[in-house]
């Protein structure tokens, strides 16, 4: 008779998922249910430049770019580990801003 009880207990447990101690079935189901998908696209595939590549592109020394950045006048960049990276779109916007500032400076000086 005792073996019959063990067999019934074993059969009852087949096909059931065992819950970890302290967790309810509802908590586990909520954890498995995916939340709303984030549909924002981050431009990670945009090409980036290292400080040396940007310096070569602009025909300046890398130290000139470091100096400009320390003065708050350099291009926006970000660090990957210890290396600075610059998005091409940020570099192009920075160059356009410098061109505009230079044009305003020389245009107003030419009028006087």
C-alpha atoms as a PDB file:
ATOM      1  CA  UNK A   1       0.000   0.000   0.000  1.00  0.00           C
ATOM      2  CA  UNK A   2       2.839   2.387   0.708  1.00  0.00           C
ATOM      3  CA  UNK A   3       4.276   1.784  -2.740  1.00  0.00           C
ATOM      4  CA  UNK A   4       0.914   2.633  -4.328  1.00  0.00           C
ATOM      5  CA  UNK A   5       1.051   6.040  -2.618  1.00  0.00           C
ATOM      6  CA  UNK A   6       4.570   6.653  -3.941  1.00  0.00           C
ATOM      7  CA  UNK A   7       3.534   5.740  -7.479  1.00  0.00           C
ATOM      8  CA  UNK A   8       0.534   8.086  -7.354  1.00  0.00           C
ATOM      9  CA  UNK A   9       2.704  10.895  -6.030  1.00  0.00           C
ATOM     10  CA  UNK A  10       5.232  10.323  -8.801  1.00  0.00           C
ATOM     11  CA  UNK A  11       2.519  10.317 -11.488  1.00  0.00           C
ATOM     12  CA  UNK A  12       1.017  13.499 -10.088  1.00  0.00           C
ATOM     13  CA  UNK A  13       4.364  15.242 -10.440  1.00  0.00           C
ATOM     14  CA  UNK A  14       4.915  14.229 -14.090  1.00  0.00           C
ATOM     15  CA  UNK A  15       4.278  17.068 -16.522  1.00  0.00           C
ATOM     16  CA  UNK A  16       4.131  19.719 -13.817  1.00  0.00           C
ATOM     17  CA  UNK A  17       6.793  22.331 -13.591  1.00  0.00           C
ATOM     18  CA  UNK A  18       8.228  22.624 -10.170  1.00  0.00           C
ATOM     19  CA  UNK A  19       8.362  26.104  -8.749  1.00  0.00           C
ATOM     20  CA  UNK A  20      11.410  27.423  -6.992  1.00  0.00           C
ATOM     21  CA  UNK A  21      10.838  28.054  -3.320  1.00  0.00           C
ATOM     22  CA  UNK A  22       9.260  31.409  -2.578  1.00  0.00           C
ATOM     23  CA  UNK A  23       7.926  32.006  -6.113  1.00  0.00           C
ATOM     24  CA  UNK A  24       4.315  31.820  -7.172  1.00  0.00           C
ATOM     25  CA  UNK A  25       3.177  30.539 -10.557  1.00  0.00           C
ATOM     26  CA  UNK A  26       1.784  34.013 -11.368  1.00  0.00           C
ATOM     27  CA  UNK A  27       5.154  35.658 -10.702  1.00  0.00           C
ATOM     28  CA  UNK A  28       6.863  33.203 -13.041  1.00  0.00           C
ATOM     29  CA  UNK A  29       4.263  33.746 -15.785  1.00  0.00           C
ATOM     30  CA  UNK A  30       4.631  37.522 -15.506  1.00  0.00           C
ATOM     31  CA  UNK A  31       8.375  37.169 -15.819  1.00  0.00           C
ATOM     32  CA  UNK A  32       8.030  35.100 -19.000  1.00  0.00           C
ATOM     33  CA  UNK A  33       5.540  37.478 -20.611  1.00  0.00           C
ATOM     34  CA  UNK A  34       7.439  39.896 -22.846  1.00  0.00           C
ATOM     35  CA  UNK A  35       6.815  43.583 -22.286  1.00  0.00           C
ATOM     36  CA  UNK A  36       6.135  46.177 -24.955  1.00  0.00           C
ATOM     37  CA  UNK A  37       8.846  46.256 -27.590  1.00  0.00           C
ATOM     38  CA  UNK A  38      11.060  49.287 -27.823  1.00  0.00           C
ATOM     39  CA  UNK A  39      10.727  50.466 -31.401  1.00  0.00           C
ATOM     40  CA  UNK A  40      13.186  53.347 -31.221  1.00  0.00           C
ATOM     41  CA  UNK A  41      16.118  52.887 -33.545  1.00  0.00           C
ATOM     42  CA  UNK A  42      19.532  53.900 -32.361  1.00  0.00           C
ATOM     43  CA  UNK A  43      21.997  54.602 -35.151  1.00  0.00           C
ATOM     44  CA  UNK A  44      24.644  52.151 -33.990  1.00  0.00           C
ATOM     45  CA  UNK A  45      25.501  51.243 -37.550  1.00  0.00           C
ATOM     46  CA  UNK A  46      26.588  54.811 -38.322  1.00  0.00           C
ATOM     47  CA  UNK A  47      30.299  54.927 -39.114  1.00  0.00           C
ATOM     48  CA  UNK A  48      32.552  56.288 -36.385  1.00  0.00           C
ATOM     49  CA  UNK A  49      36.045  57.723 -36.477  1.00  0.00           C
ATOM     50  CA  UNK A  50      38.867  57.383 -34.001  1.00  0.00           C
ATOM     51  CA  UNK A  51      40.750  60.496 -32.937  1.00  0.00           C
ATOM     52  CA  UNK A  52      43.628  59.583 -35.260  1.00  0.00           C
ATOM     53  CA  UNK A  53      41.302  59.053 -38.226  1.00  0.00           C
ATOM     54  CA  UNK A  54      39.599  62.388 -37.562  1.00  0.00           C
ATOM     55  CA  UNK A  55      42.952  64.125 -37.221  1.00  0.00           C
ATOM     56  CA  UNK A  56      44.083  62.645 -40.552  1.00  0.00           C
ATOM     57  CA  UNK A  57      40.816  63.685 -42.183  1.00  0.00           C
ATOM     58  CA  UNK A  58      41.262  67.297 -40.999  1.00  0.00           C
ATOM     59  CA  UNK A  59      45.053  67.335 -41.514  1.00  0.00           C
ATOM     60  CA  UNK A  60      45.746  68.278 -37.899  1.00  0.00           C
ATOM     61  CA  UNK A  61      47.499  66.561 -35.025  1.00  0.00           C
ATOM     62  CA  UNK A  62      45.366  64.536 -32.594  1.00  0.00           C
ATOM     63  CA  UNK A  63      46.521  66.862 -29.799  1.00  0.00           C
ATOM     64  CA  UNK A  64      44.793  69.776 -31.566  1.00  0.00           C
ATOM     65  CA  UNK A  65      41.499  67.888 -31.307  1.00  0.00           C
ATOM     66  CA  UNK A  66      42.131  67.054 -27.649  1.00  0.00           C
ATOM     67  CA  UNK A  67      42.838  70.756 -27.007  1.00  0.00           C
ATOM     68  CA  UNK A  68      39.662  71.854 -28.791  1.00  0.00           C
ATOM     69  CA  UNK A  69      37.603  69.346 -26.815  1.00  0.00           C
ATOM     70  CA  UNK A  70      39.092  70.480 -23.499  1.00  0.00           C
ATOM     71  CA  UNK A  71      38.088  74.065 -24.386  1.00  0.00           C
ATOM     72  CA  UNK A  72      34.558  72.919 -25.231  1.00  0.00           C
ATOM     73  CA  UNK A  73      34.989  73.770 -28.915  1.00  0.00           C
ATOM     74  CA  UNK A  74      35.686  70.311 -30.301  1.00  0.00           C
ATOM     75  CA  UNK A  75      33.389  67.760 -31.899  1.00  0.00           C
ATOM     76  CA  UNK A  76      31.031  65.715 -29.754  1.00  0.00           C
ATOM     77  CA  UNK A  77      32.374  62.259 -29.165  1.00  0.00           C
ATOM     78  CA  UNK A  78      32.039  59.295 -26.867  1.00  0.00           C
ATOM     79  CA  UNK A  79      34.357  56.797 -25.292  1.00  0.00           C
ATOM     80  CA  UNK A  80      34.562  53.110 -26.057  1.00  0.00           C
ATOM     81  CA  UNK A  81      36.781  51.900 -23.289  1.00  0.00           C
ATOM     82  CA  UNK A  82      39.705  54.302 -23.372  1.00  0.00           C
ATOM     83  CA  UNK A  83      39.315  55.360 -26.994  1.00  0.00           C
ATOM     84  CA  UNK A  84      37.411  58.383 -28.220  1.00  0.00           C
ATOM     85  CA  UNK A  85      35.015  57.822 -31.097  1.00  0.00           C
ATOM     86  CA  UNK A  86      33.218  60.377 -33.223  1.00  0.00           C
ATOM     87  CA  UNK A  87      30.095  59.816 -35.306  1.00  0.00           C
ATOM     88  CA  UNK A  88      30.464  61.109 -38.849  1.00  0.00           C
ATOM     89  CA  UNK A  89      27.185  63.024 -38.554  1.00  0.00           C
ATOM     90  CA  UNK A  90      28.453  64.796 -35.412  1.00  0.00           C
ATOM     91  CA  UNK A  91      31.736  65.688 -37.125  1.00  0.00           C
ATOM     92  CA  UNK A  92      29.889  67.051 -40.158  1.00  0.00           C
ATOM     93  CA  UNK A  93      27.587  69.120 -37.908  1.00  0.00           C
ATOM     94  CA  UNK A  94      30.590  70.437 -35.973  1.00  0.00           C
ATOM     95  CA  UNK A  95      32.368  71.450 -39.198  1.00  0.00           C
ATOM     96  CA  UNK A  96      29.185  73.159 -40.462  1.00  0.00           C
ATOM     97  CA  UNK A  97      28.903  75.091 -37.182  1.00  0.00           C
ATOM     98  CA  UNK A  98      32.528  76.211 -37.452  1.00  0.00           C
ATOM     99  CA  UNK A  99      31.959  77.336 -41.057  1.00  0.00           C
ATOM    100  CA  UNK A 100      28.860  79.303 -40.038  1.00  0.00           C
ATOM    101  CA  UNK A 101      30.655  80.954 -37.114  1.00  0.00           C
ATOM    102  CA  UNK A 102      33.599  81.828 -39.349  1.00  0.00           C
ATOM    103  CA  UNK A 103      31.299  83.259 -42.028  1.00  0.00           C
ATOM    104  CA  UNK A 104      29.468  85.422 -39.448  1.00  0.00           C
ATOM    105  CA  UNK A 105      32.748  86.647 -37.977  1.00  0.00           C
ATOM    106  CA  UNK A 106      34.209  87.621 -41.352  1.00  0.00           C
ATOM    107  CA  UNK A 107      30.957  88.939 -42.769  1.00  0.00           C
ATOM    108  CA  UNK A 108      30.449  91.336 -39.836  1.00  0.00           C
ATOM    109  CA  UNK A 109      34.129  92.399 -39.947  1.00  0.00           C
ATOM    110  CA  UNK A 110      33.885  93.166 -43.676  1.00  0.00           C
ATOM    111  CA  UNK A 111      30.987  95.611 -43.160  1.00  0.00           C
ATOM    112  CA  UNK A 112      32.808  97.925 -40.820  1.00  0.00           C
END
